[in-house]
Every structure is written in C-alpha cells, then in structure tokens.
C-alpha cells in the first residue's frame, strides 16, 4: 500500500534515536524522549487550503525537525509513519 497525502500534508518516517548518552550511559526506552528528526516519505501537492495558496517547501528525502507529538500516526505494511501538516515542520536539516 502507498500513501499519497492531500493538500498541505506530508508523510514522514521518524529517525531512530540514539540509545546512549554522549557520556556512554545506556537509556531505557521509557527514559528516551520522542525523536523529532524525521525523513520525508511523501509530499502533498499544496494548492488552495482554507482560502490560502500553499506552496510546498519540502521534498521526498529531506530530513526535517517536527513539533513534538504532532501529526497522525499510521501503520502501512508494518511500518510506522506519521502524517503532518507542512506547518508542523519546523526546519529542514541540511
């Protein structure tokens, strides 16, 4: 199955977070924060959304930083993806 986002939506895959601190301490999954860096998997066409013209500023393959706990989680073919609005993306990582 393939997701095709509509309007100003973006499908992202969260990147794995380090399980150890810089000093080498191993963190349990309960102690880890939710990762904020993700890879863009699919991008909607933009267009007219709520009376405003939206231009998409991200593309497939970009690494982005998102707002914590934003978007809707979906599971496609056993893979966990998140659908967010473009304005929930804070920055593109270069």
PDB file of N, CA and C in Angstrom:
ATOM      1  N   UNK A   1       0.848  -1.172   0.000  1.00  0.00           N
ATOM      2  CA  UNK A   1       0.000   0.000   0.000  1.00  0.00           C
ATOM      3  C   UNK A   1       0.894   1.236   0.000  1.00  0.00           C
ATOM      4  N   UNK A   2       0.442   2.277  -0.683  1.00  0.00           N
ATOM      5  CA  UNK A   2       1.216   3.502  -0.780  1.00  0.00           C
ATOM      6  C   UNK A   2       0.350   4.674  -0.339  1.00  0.00           C
ATOM      7  N   UNK A   3       0.911   5.599   0.442  1.00  0.00           N
ATOM      8  CA  UNK A   3       0.179   6.780   0.882  1.00  0.00           C
ATOM      9  C   UNK A   3       0.451   7.953  -0.038  1.00  0.00           C
ATOM     10  N   UNK A   4      -0.606   8.656  -0.425  1.00  0.00           N
ATOM     11  CA  UNK A   4      -0.478   9.867  -1.222  1.00  0.00           C
ATOM     12  C   UNK A   4      -1.168  10.983  -0.441  1.00  0.00           C
ATOM     13  N   UNK A   5      -0.393  11.851   0.224  1.00  0.00           N
ATOM     14  CA  UNK A   5      -1.006  12.892   1.051  1.00  0.00           C
ATOM     15  C   UNK A   5      -1.738  13.933   0.208  1.00  0.00           C
ATOM     16  N   UNK A   6      -2.750  14.534   0.795  1.00  0.00           N
ATOM     17  CA  UNK A   6      -3.544  15.551   0.124  1.00  0.00           C
ATOM     18  C   UNK A   6      -3.174  16.940   0.643  1.00  0.00           C
ATOM     19  N   UNK A   7      -3.440  17.950  -0.175  1.00  0.00           N
ATOM     20  CA  UNK A   7      -3.264  19.369   0.181  1.00  0.00           C
ATOM     21  C   UNK A   7      -1.881  19.634   0.765  1.00  0.00           C
ATOM     22  N   UNK A   8      -1.825  20.184   1.983  1.00  0.00           N
ATOM     23  CA  UNK A   8      -0.545  20.571   2.587  1.00  0.00           C
ATOM     24  C   UNK A   8      -0.020  19.524   3.565  1.00  0.00           C
ATOM     25  N   UNK A   9      -0.380  18.270   3.365  1.00  0.00           N
ATOM     26  CA  UNK A   9       0.062  17.194   4.251  1.00  0.00           C
ATOM     27  C   UNK A   9       1.384  16.601   3.770  1.00  0.00           C
ATOM     28  N   UNK A  10       2.162  16.074   4.729  1.00  0.00           N
ATOM     29  CA  UNK A  10       3.450  15.452   4.456  1.00  0.00           C
ATOM     30  C   UNK A  10       3.515  14.148   5.246  1.00  0.00           C
ATOM     31  N   UNK A  11       3.958  13.066   4.615  1.00  0.00           N
ATOM     32  CA  UNK A  11       4.145  11.780   5.298  1.00  0.00           C
ATOM     33  C   UNK A  11       5.615  11.675   5.680  1.00  0.00           C
ATOM     34  N   UNK A  12       5.885  11.409   6.964  1.00  0.00           N
ATOM     35  CA  UNK A  12       7.264  11.324   7.450  1.00  0.00           C
ATOM     36  C   UNK A  12       7.493  10.006   8.173  1.00  0.00           C
ATOM     37  N   UNK A  13       8.765   9.610   8.239  1.00  0.00           N
ATOM     38  CA  UNK A  13       9.207   8.434   8.984  1.00  0.00           C
ATOM     39  C   UNK A  13      10.196   8.941  10.026  1.00  0.00           C
ATOM     40  N   UNK A  14       9.916   8.677  11.284  1.00  0.00           N
ATOM     41  CA  UNK A  14      10.799   9.143  12.356  1.00  0.00           C
ATOM     42  C   UNK A  14      12.127   8.402  12.295  1.00  0.00           C
ATOM     43  N   UNK A  15      13.218   9.141  12.502  1.00  0.00           N
ATOM     44  CA  UNK A  15      14.556   8.550  12.539  1.00  0.00           C
ATOM     45  C   UNK A  15      14.787   7.948  13.914  1.00  0.00           C
ATOM     46  N   UNK A  16      15.569   6.891  13.956  1.00  0.00           N
ATOM     47  CA  UNK A  16      15.862   6.227  15.224  1.00  0.00           C
ATOM     48  C   UNK A  16      16.695   7.141  16.110  1.00  0.00           C
ATOM     49  N   UNK A  17      16.367   7.156  17.394  1.00  0.00           N
ATOM     50  CA  UNK A  17      17.088   7.978  18.364  1.00  0.00           C
ATOM     51  C   UNK A  17      18.214   7.164  18.979  1.00  0.00           C
ATOM     52  N   UNK A  18      19.290   7.855  19.303  1.00  0.00           N
ATOM     53  CA  UNK A  18      20.414   7.207  19.985  1.00  0.00           C
ATOM     54  C   UNK A  18      19.933   6.614  21.306  1.00  0.00           C
ATOM     55  N   UNK A  19      20.434   5.449  21.648  1.00  0.00           N
ATOM     56  CA  UNK A  19      20.047   4.802  22.892  1.00  0.00           C
ATOM     57  C   UNK A  19      21.065   5.006  23.999  1.00  0.00           C
ATOM     58  N   UNK A  20      22.128   5.752  23.721  1.00  0.00           N
ATOM     59  CA  UNK A  20      23.121   6.061  24.753  1.00  0.00           C
ATOM     60  C   UNK A  20      23.371   7.561  24.764  1.00  0.00           C
ATOM     61  N   UNK A  21      23.752   8.083  25.914  1.00  0.00           N
ATOM     62  CA  UNK A  21      24.074   9.499  26.022  1.00  0.00           C
ATOM     63  C   UNK A  21      25.493   9.723  25.530  1.00  0.00           C
ATOM     64  N   UNK A  22      25.897  10.988  25.421  1.00  0.00           N
ATOM     65  CA  UNK A  22      27.255  11.289  24.975  1.00  0.00           C
ATOM     66  C   UNK A  22      28.303  10.704  25.910  1.00  0.00           C
ATOM     67  N   UNK A  23      27.957  10.586  27.188  1.00  0.00           N
ATOM     68  CA  UNK A  23      28.910  10.037  28.154  1.00  0.00           C
ATOM     69  C   UNK A  23      28.887   8.510  28.191  1.00  0.00           C
ATOM     70  N   UNK A  24      28.018   7.876  27.373  1.00  0.00           N
ATOM     71  CA  UNK A  24      28.012   6.423  27.281  1.00  0.00           C
ATOM     72  C   UNK A  24      26.969   5.728  28.128  1.00  0.00           C
ATOM     73  N   UNK A  25      26.080   6.473  28.773  1.00  0.00           N
ATOM     74  CA  UNK A  25      25.040   5.867  29.597  1.00  0.00           C
ATOM     75  C   UNK A  25      23.936   5.337  28.684  1.00  0.00           C
ATOM     76  N   UNK A  26      23.561   4.075  28.868  1.00  0.00           N
ATOM     77  CA  UNK A  26      22.513   3.466  28.058  1.00  0.00           C
ATOM     78  C   UNK A  26      21.163   3.839  28.650  1.00  0.00           C
ATOM     79  N   UNK A  27      20.254   4.342  27.778  1.00  0.00           N
ATOM     80  CA  UNK A  27      18.930   4.756  28.217  1.00  0.00           C
ATOM     81  C   UNK A  27      17.902   3.671  27.932  1.00  0.00           C
ATOM     82  N   UNK A  28      16.983   3.463  28.870  1.00  0.00           N
ATOM     83  CA  UNK A  28      15.873   2.553  28.617  1.00  0.00           C
ATOM     84  C   UNK A  28      14.872   3.271  27.716  1.00  0.00           C
ATOM     85  N   UNK A  29      13.984   2.522  27.082  1.00  0.00           N
ATOM     86  CA  UNK A  29      13.018   3.151  26.179  1.00  0.00           C
ATOM     87  C   UNK A  29      12.095   4.117  26.916  1.00  0.00           C
ATOM     88  N   UNK A  30      11.834   3.877  28.202  1.00  0.00           N
ATOM     89  CA  UNK A  30      10.972   4.774  28.973  1.00  0.00           C
ATOM     90  C   UNK A  30      11.645   6.110  29.233  1.00  0.00           C
ATOM     91  N   UNK A  31      12.974   6.137  29.292  1.00  0.00           N
ATOM     92  CA  UNK A  31      13.704   7.366  29.597  1.00  0.00           C
ATOM     93  C   UNK A  31      13.996   8.200  28.358  1.00  0.00           C
ATOM     94  N   UNK A  32      13.775   7.627  27.190  1.00  0.00           N
ATOM     95  CA  UNK A  32      14.094   8.340  25.957  1.00  0.00           C
ATOM     96  C   UNK A  32      12.977   9.305  25.582  1.00  0.00           C
ATOM     97  N   UNK A  33      13.372  10.451  25.040  1.00  0.00           N
ATOM     98  CA  UNK A  33      12.394  11.394  24.520  1.00  0.00           C
ATOM     99  C   UNK A  33      11.968  10.953  23.134  1.00  0.00           C
ATOM    100  N   UNK A  34      10.790  11.386  22.718  1.00  0.00           N
ATOM    101  CA  UNK A  34      10.332  11.091  21.376  1.00  0.00           C
ATOM    102  C   UNK A  34      11.227  11.822  20.383  1.00  0.00           C
ATOM    103  N   UNK A  35      11.740  11.140  19.361  1.00  0.00           N
ATOM    104  CA  UNK A  35      12.620  11.810  18.402  1.00  0.00           C
ATOM    105  C   UNK A  35      11.872  12.876  17.623  1.00  0.00           C
ATOM    106  N   UNK A  36      12.591  13.918  17.200  1.00  0.00           N
ATOM    107  CA  UNK A  36      11.972  14.991  16.453  1.00  0.00           C
ATOM    108  C   UNK A  36      12.502  15.063  15.029  1.00  0.00           C
ATOM    109  N   UNK A  37      13.542  14.295  14.704  1.00  0.00           N
ATOM    110  CA  UNK A  37      14.098  14.313  13.357  1.00  0.00           C
ATOM    111  C   UNK A  37      13.438  13.190  12.558  1.00  0.00           C
ATOM    112  N   UNK A  38      12.985  13.539  11.342  1.00  0.00           N
ATOM    113  CA  UNK A  38      12.276  12.571  10.512  1.00  0.00           C
ATOM    114  C   UNK A  38      12.703  12.723   9.058  1.00  0.00           C
ATOM    115  N   UNK A  39      12.407  11.695   8.274  1.00  0.00           N
ATOM    116  CA  UNK A  39      12.672  11.717   6.833  1.00  0.00           C
ATOM    117  C   UNK A  39      11.337  11.838   6.111  1.00  0.00           C
ATOM    118  N   UNK A  40      11.272  12.719   5.119  1.00  0.00           N
ATOM    119  CA  UNK A  40      10.048  12.919   4.347  1.00  0.00           C
ATOM    120  C   UNK A  40       9.884  11.751   3.369  1.00  0.00           C
ATOM    121  N   UNK A  41       8.729  11.091   3.410  1.00  0.00           N
ATOM    122  CA  UNK A  41       8.436   9.935   2.575  1.00  0.00           C
ATOM    123  C   UNK A  41       7.557  10.330   1.384  1.00  0.00           C
ATOM    124  N   UNK A  42       6.598  11.244   1.607  1.00  0.00           N
ATOM    125  CA  UNK A  42       5.695  11.694   0.545  1.00  0.00           C
ATOM    126  C   UNK A  42       5.225  13.105   0.859  1.00  0.00           C
ATOM    127  N   UNK A  43       4.938  13.874  -0.200  1.00  0.00           N
ATOM    128  CA  UNK A  43       4.530  15.275  -0.043  1.00  0.00           C
ATOM    129  C   UNK A  43       3.261  15.513  -0.857  1.00  0.00           C
ATOM    130  N   UNK A  44       2.289  16.210  -0.249  1.00  0.00           N
ATOM    131  CA  UNK A  44       1.063  16.562  -0.954  1.00  0.00           C
ATOM    132  C   UNK A  44       1.328  17.653  -1.982  1.00  0.00           C
ATOM    133  N   UNK A  45       0.334  17.940  -2.820  1.00  0.00           N
ATOM    134  CA  UNK A  45       0.522  18.902  -3.899  1.00  0.00           C
ATOM    135  C   UNK A  45       0.458  20.368  -3.478  1.00  0.00           C
ATOM    136  N   UNK A  46       0.013  20.655  -2.251  1.00  0.00           N
ATOM    137  CA  UNK A  46      -0.159  22.055  -1.856  1.00  0.00           C
ATOM    138  C   UNK A  46      -1.458  22.570  -2.448  1.00  0.00           C
ATOM    139  N   UNK A  47      -1.431  23.801  -2.983  1.00  0.00           N
ATOM    140  CA  UNK A  47      -2.622  24.352  -3.611  1.00  0.00           C
ATOM    141  C   UNK A  47      -3.396  25.246  -2.672  1.00  0.00           C
ATOM    142  N   UNK A  48      -4.698  25.382  -2.916  1.00  0.00           N
ATOM    143  CA  UNK A  48      -5.551  26.268  -2.142  1.00  0.00           C
ATOM    144  C   UNK A  48      -6.083  25.523  -0.921  1.00  0.00           C
ATOM    145  N   UNK A  49      -5.643  25.931   0.278  1.00  0.00           N
ATOM    146  CA  UNK A  49      -6.064  25.301   1.522  1.00  0.00           C
ATOM    147  C   UNK A  49      -6.670  26.384   2.408  1.00  0.00           C
ATOM    148  N   UNK A  50      -7.944  26.233   2.750  1.00  0.00           N
ATOM    149  CA  UNK A  50      -8.670  27.206   3.577  1.00  0.00           C
ATOM    150  C   UNK A  50      -8.564  28.623   3.014  1.00  0.00           C
ATOM    151  N   UNK A  51      -8.643  28.769   1.705  1.00  0.00           N
ATOM    152  CA  UNK A  51      -8.614  30.081   1.069  1.00  0.00           C
ATOM    153  C   UNK A  51      -7.233  30.689   0.914  1.00  0.00           C
ATOM    154  N   UNK A  52      -6.193  29.948   1.272  1.00  0.00           N
ATOM    155  CA  UNK A  52      -4.815  30.438   1.143  1.00  0.00           C
ATOM    156  C   UNK A  52      -4.055  29.550   0.171  1.00  0.00           C
ATOM    157  N   UNK A  53      -3.229  30.164  -0.663  1.00  0.00           N
ATOM    158  CA  UNK A  53      -2.405  29.398  -1.596  1.00  0.00           C
ATOM    159  C   UNK A  53      -1.193  28.848  -0.843  1.00  0.00           C
ATOM    160  N   UNK A  54      -1.029  27.540  -0.824  1.00  0.00           N
ATOM    161  CA  UNK A  54       0.065  26.877  -0.103  1.00  0.00           C
ATOM    162  C   UNK A  54       1.073  26.332  -1.101  1.00  0.00           C
ATOM    163  N   UNK A  55       2.347  26.711  -0.927  1.00  0.00           N
ATOM    164  CA  UNK A  55       3.449  26.170  -1.708  1.00  0.00           C
ATOM    165  C   UNK A  55       4.216  25.206  -0.816  1.00  0.00           C
ATOM    166  N   UNK A  56       4.489  24.022  -1.311  1.00  0.00           N
ATOM    167  CA  UNK A  56       5.204  23.034  -0.518  1.00  0.00           C
ATOM    168  C   UNK A  56       6.699  23.342  -0.551  1.00  0.00           C
ATOM    169  N   UNK A  57       7.327  23.377   0.637  1.00  0.00           N
ATOM    170  CA  UNK A  57       8.736  23.736   0.777  1.00  0.00           C
ATOM    171  C   UNK A  57       9.640  22.546   1.069  1.00  0.00           C
ATOM    172  N   UNK A  58       9.061  21.359   1.233  1.00  0.00           N
ATOM    173  CA  UNK A  58       9.859  20.155   1.491  1.00  0.00           C
ATOM    174  C   UNK A  58       9.676  19.196   0.323  1.00  0.00           C
ATOM    175  N   UNK A  59      10.632  18.270   0.187  1.00  0.00           N
ATOM    176  CA  UNK A  59      10.540  17.266  -0.872  1.00  0.00           C
ATOM    177  C   UNK A  59      10.893  15.899  -0.293  1.00  0.00           C
ATOM    178  N   UNK A  60      10.554  14.869  -1.016  1.00  0.00           N
ATOM    179  CA  UNK A  60      10.834  13.498  -0.580  1.00  0.00           C
ATOM    180  C   UNK A  60      12.341  13.342  -0.379  1.00  0.00           C
ATOM    181  N   UNK A  61      12.714  12.748   0.755  1.00  0.00           N
ATOM    182  CA  UNK A  61      14.122  12.528   1.064  1.00  0.00           C
ATOM    183  C   UNK A  61      14.699  13.558   2.020  1.00  0.00           C
ATOM    184  N   UNK A  62      14.034  14.710   2.189  1.00  0.00           N
ATOM    185  CA  UNK A  62      14.517  15.731   3.133  1.00  0.00           C
ATOM    186  C   UNK A  62      14.466  15.185   4.550  1.00  0.00           C
ATOM    187  N   UNK A  63      15.439  15.579   5.367  1.00  0.00           N
ATOM    188  CA  UNK A  63      15.399  15.301   6.808  1.00  0.00           C
ATOM    189  C   UNK A  63      14.881  16.560   7.469  1.00  0.00           C
ATOM    190  N   UNK A  64      13.864  16.418   8.308  1.00  0.00           N
ATOM    191  CA  UNK A  64      13.202  17.574   8.904  1.00  0.00           C
ATOM    192  C   UNK A  64      13.076  17.423  10.406  1.00  0.00           C
ATOM    193  N   UNK A  65      12.861  18.553  11.069  1.00  0.00           N
ATOM    194  CA  UNK A  65      12.575  18.571  12.502  1.00  0.00           C
ATOM    195  C   UNK A  65      11.105  18.945  12.648  1.00  0.00           C
ATOM    196  N   UNK A  66      10.360  18.145  13.409  1.00  0.00           N
ATOM    197  CA  UNK A  66       8.929  18.371  13.578  1.00  0.00           C
ATOM    198  C   UNK A  66       8.605  18.787  15.001  1.00  0.00           C
ATOM    199  N   UNK A  67       7.412  19.313  15.184  1.00  0.00           N
ATOM    200  CA  UNK A  67       6.919  19.604  16.529  1.00  0.00           C
ATOM    201  C   UNK A  67       6.726  18.280  17.260  1.00  0.00           C
ATOM    202  N   UNK A  68       6.994  18.285  18.566  1.00  0.00           N
ATOM    203  CA  UNK A  68       6.800  17.060  19.344  1.00  0.00           C
ATOM    204  C   UNK A  68       5.326  16.705  19.361  1.00  0.00           C
ATOM    205  N   UNK A  69       5.050  15.429  19.226  1.00  0.00           N
ATOM    206  CA  UNK A  69       3.704  14.873  19.332  1.00  0.00           C
ATOM    207  C   UNK A  69       2.734  15.450  18.303  1.00  0.00           C
ATOM    208  N   UNK A  70       3.223  15.875  17.144  1.00  0.00           N
ATOM    209  CA  UNK A  70       2.336  16.396  16.101  1.00  0.00           C
ATOM    210  C   UNK A  70       1.986  15.299  15.116  1.00  0.00           C
ATOM    211  N   UNK A  71       0.908  15.479  14.399  1.00  0.00           N
ATOM    212  CA  UNK A  71       0.536  14.570  13.325  1.00  0.00           C
ATOM    213  C   UNK A  71      -0.294  13.387  13.769  1.00  0.00           C
ATOM    214  N   UNK A  72      -0.610  12.554  12.789  1.00  0.00           N
ATOM    215  CA  UNK A  72      -1.413  11.354  12.995  1.00  0.00           C
ATOM    216  C   UNK A  72      -0.580  10.142  12.625  1.00  0.00           C
ATOM    217  N   UNK A  73      -0.443   9.216  13.564  1.00  0.00           N
ATOM    218  CA  UNK A  73       0.362   8.017  13.318  1.00  0.00           C
ATOM    219  C   UNK A  73      -0.467   6.999  12.547  1.00  0.00           C
ATOM    220  N   UNK A  74       0.154   6.412  11.509  1.00  0.00           N
ATOM    221  CA  UNK A  74      -0.485   5.356  10.730  1.00  0.00           C
ATOM    222  C   UNK A  74       0.516   4.227  10.537  1.00  0.00           C
ATOM    223  N   UNK A  75       0.006   3.022  10.354  1.00  0.00           N
ATOM    224  CA  UNK A  75       0.872   1.869  10.122  1.00  0.00           C
ATOM    225  C   UNK A  75       0.564   1.338   8.728  1.00  0.00           C
ATOM    226  N   UNK A  76       1.582   1.333   7.856  1.00  0.00           N
ATOM    227  CA  UNK A  76       1.421   0.875   6.481  1.00  0.00           C
ATOM    228  C   UNK A  76       2.418  -0.242   6.233  1.00  0.00           C
ATOM    229  N   UNK A  77       1.925  -1.424   5.916  1.00  0.00           N
ATOM    230  CA  UNK A  77       2.766  -2.591   5.666  1.00  0.00           C
ATOM    231  C   UNK A  77       3.763  -2.830   6.795  1.00  0.00           C
ATOM    232  N   UNK A  78       3.316  -2.668   8.034  1.00  0.00           N
ATOM    233  CA  UNK A  78       4.155  -2.909   9.195  1.00  0.00           C
ATOM    234  C   UNK A  78       5.099  -1.772   9.542  1.00  0.00           C
ATOM    235  N   UNK A  79       5.089  -0.686   8.764  1.00  0.00           N
ATOM    236  CA  UNK A  79       5.974   0.453   9.013  1.00  0.00           C
ATOM    237  C   UNK A  79       5.164   1.598   9.620  1.00  0.00           C
ATOM    238  N   UNK A  80       5.697   2.190  10.693  1.00  0.00           N
ATOM    239  CA  UNK A  80       5.003   3.296  11.337  1.00  0.00           C
ATOM    240  C   UNK A  80       5.385   4.613  10.675  1.00  0.00           C
ATOM    241  N   UNK A  81       4.368   5.324  10.179  1.00  0.00           N
ATOM    242  CA  UNK A  81       4.555   6.611   9.519  1.00  0.00           C
ATOM    243  C   UNK A  81       3.694   7.644  10.222  1.00  0.00           C
ATOM    244  N   UNK A  82       3.991   8.918  10.002  1.00  0.00           N
ATOM    245  CA  UNK A  82       3.211   9.993  10.590  1.00  0.00           C
ATOM    246  C   UNK A  82       2.815  10.963   9.486  1.00  0.00           C
ATOM    247  N   UNK A  83       1.543  11.357   9.480  1.00  0.00           N
ATOM    248  CA  UNK A  83       1.048  12.345   8.530  1.00  0.00           C
ATOM    249  C   UNK A  83       0.919  13.667   9.286  1.00  0.00           C
ATOM    250  N   UNK A  84       1.659  14.687   8.823  1.00  0.00           N
ATOM    251  CA  UNK A  84       1.641  16.004   9.466  1.00  0.00           C
ATOM    252  C   UNK A  84       1.301  17.076   8.444  1.00  0.00           C
ATOM    253  N   UNK A  85       0.858  18.224   8.937  1.00  0.00           N
ATOM    254  CA  UNK A  85       0.697  19.381   8.067  1.00  0.00           C
ATOM    255  C   UNK A  85       2.081  19.997   7.874  1.00  0.00           C
ATOM    256  N   UNK A  86       2.274  20.659   6.742  1.00  0.00           N
ATOM    257  CA  UNK A  86       3.574  21.267   6.479  1.00  0.00           C
ATOM    258  C   UNK A  86       3.953  22.283   7.565  1.00  0.00           C
ATOM    259  N   UNK A  87       2.965  22.995   8.143  1.00  0.00           N
ATOM    260  CA  UNK A  87       3.321  23.988   9.161  1.00  0.00           C
ATOM    261  C   UNK A  87       3.726  23.364  10.497  1.00  0.00           C
ATOM    262  N   UNK A  88       3.602  22.014  10.657  1.00  0.00           N
ATOM    263  CA  UNK A  88       4.126  21.329  11.841  1.00  0.00           C
ATOM    264  C   UNK A  88       5.614  21.009  11.695  1.00  0.00           C
ATOM    265  N   UNK A  89       6.150  21.224  10.488  1.00  0.00           N
ATOM    266  CA  UNK A  89       7.579  21.011  10.243  1.00  0.00           C
ATOM    267  C   UNK A  89       8.300  22.324  10.573  1.00  0.00           C
ATOM    268  N   UNK A  90       9.253  22.238  11.499  1.00  0.00           N
ATOM    269  CA  UNK A  90       9.935  23.437  11.986  1.00  0.00           C
ATOM    270  C   UNK A  90      11.137  23.819  11.162  1.00  0.00           C
ATOM    271  N   UNK A  91      11.874  22.829  10.615  1.00  0.00           N
ATOM    272  CA  UNK A  91      13.101  23.130   9.870  1.00  0.00           C
ATOM    273  C   UNK A  91      13.494  21.932   9.029  1.00  0.00           C
ATOM    274  N   UNK A  92      14.288  22.221   7.991  1.00  0.00           N
ATOM    275  CA  UNK A  92      14.900  21.178   7.160  1.00  0.00           C
ATOM    276  C   UNK A  92      16.348  21.038   7.607  1.00  0.00           C
ATOM    277  N   UNK A  93      16.784  19.814   7.886  1.00  0.00           N
ATOM    278  CA  UNK A  93      18.151  19.558   8.319  1.00  0.00           C
ATOM    279  C   UNK A  93      19.024  19.387   7.080  1.00  0.00           C
ATOM    280  N   UNK A  94      20.088  20.187   6.971  1.00  0.00           N
ATOM    281  CA  UNK A  94      20.990  20.090   5.812  1.00  0.00           C
ATOM    282  C   UNK A  94      22.326  19.537   6.206  1.00  0.00           C
TER     283      UNK A  94
END
